[in-house]
Amino acid sequence: MPKMKTNRGAAKRFKKTGSGKITRSKAFTSHILTKKSTKRKRKLRQDGLVDGSNLKGVRRILPYL
């Protein structure tokens, strides 16, 4: 059976933590920042975890992560 291919776009967007969870960066940080509060922008800088409902799909496109 051939090796599985990693989705390269996804590989640049997700990382694995030491405990095996998958992290992601938050959306809505690139533009139209003037109307967003400082607190909101600060929270968006922090990494988030991939939700359980999306975990199966992410693991499928990143078989070696």
Protein backbone atom coordinates (compact mmCIF):
# COMPACT_ATOMS: atom_id res chain seq x y z
CA MET A 1 0.00 0.00 0.00
CA PRO A 2 1.45 3.42 -0.92
CA LYS A 3 2.23 6.09 1.61
CA MET A 4 -0.53 8.58 2.41
CA LYS A 5 -0.02 12.16 1.32
CA THR A 6 -0.18 15.03 3.78
CA ASN A 7 -2.33 18.00 2.79
CA ARG A 8 0.39 20.66 2.62
CA GLY A 9 -1.96 23.60 3.17
CA ALA A 10 -3.23 21.99 6.37
CA ALA A 11 0.29 21.11 7.51
CA LYS A 12 1.13 24.84 7.60
CA ARG A 13 -1.97 25.65 9.67
CA PHE A 14 -1.98 23.02 12.41
CA LYS A 15 0.51 21.87 15.04
CA LYS A 16 0.45 19.04 17.55
CA THR A 17 0.88 19.69 21.27
CA GLY A 18 2.89 17.50 23.59
CA SER A 19 -0.27 15.81 24.87
CA GLY A 20 -1.40 14.98 21.32
CA LYS A 21 -4.02 17.69 20.83
CA ILE A 22 -4.06 19.72 17.62
CA THR A 23 -3.75 23.51 17.79
CA ARG A 24 -4.86 26.09 15.27
CA SER A 25 -4.62 29.84 14.92
CA LYS A 26 -7.71 31.98 15.32
CA ALA A 27 -9.48 33.66 12.43
CA PHE A 28 -10.44 37.35 11.94
CA THR A 29 -6.98 38.80 12.66
CA SER A 30 -5.81 40.06 9.27
CA HIS A 31 -7.79 43.23 8.51
CA ILE A 32 -10.64 45.52 9.66
CA LEU A 33 -9.02 45.66 13.09
CA THR A 34 -10.15 49.19 14.00
CA LYS A 35 -13.65 48.14 15.04
CA LYS A 36 -12.40 45.22 17.15
CA SER A 37 -11.61 45.89 20.78
CA THR A 38 -8.10 45.57 22.18
CA LYS A 39 -9.25 42.72 24.41
CA ARG A 40 -10.73 40.84 21.45
CA LYS A 41 -7.58 41.28 19.35
CA ARG A 42 -5.43 40.08 22.27
CA LYS A 43 -7.56 36.94 22.64
CA LEU A 44 -7.30 36.26 18.88
CA ARG A 45 -3.49 36.16 19.12
CA GLN A 46 -3.65 33.05 21.30
CA ASP A 47 -3.81 29.61 19.71
CA GLY A 48 -7.00 27.61 19.91
CA LEU A 49 -7.61 23.88 19.89
CA VAL A 50 -9.32 22.06 17.04
CA ASP A 51 -12.89 21.25 18.04
CA GLY A 52 -13.83 17.61 18.51
CA SER A 53 -16.32 17.70 15.65
CA ASN A 54 -13.51 18.66 13.23
CA LEU A 55 -10.78 16.48 14.70
CA LYS A 56 -11.48 13.39 12.58
CA GLY A 57 -11.24 15.35 9.33
CA VAL A 58 -8.05 17.14 10.37
CA ARG A 59 -6.41 13.86 11.39
CA ARG A 60 -7.38 12.35 8.01
CA ILE A 61 -5.62 15.08 6.00
CA LEU A 62 -2.61 15.09 8.35
CA PRO A 63 -1.79 11.40 8.77
CA TYR A 64 1.77 11.90 10.09
CA LEU A 65 1.21 14.89 12.39
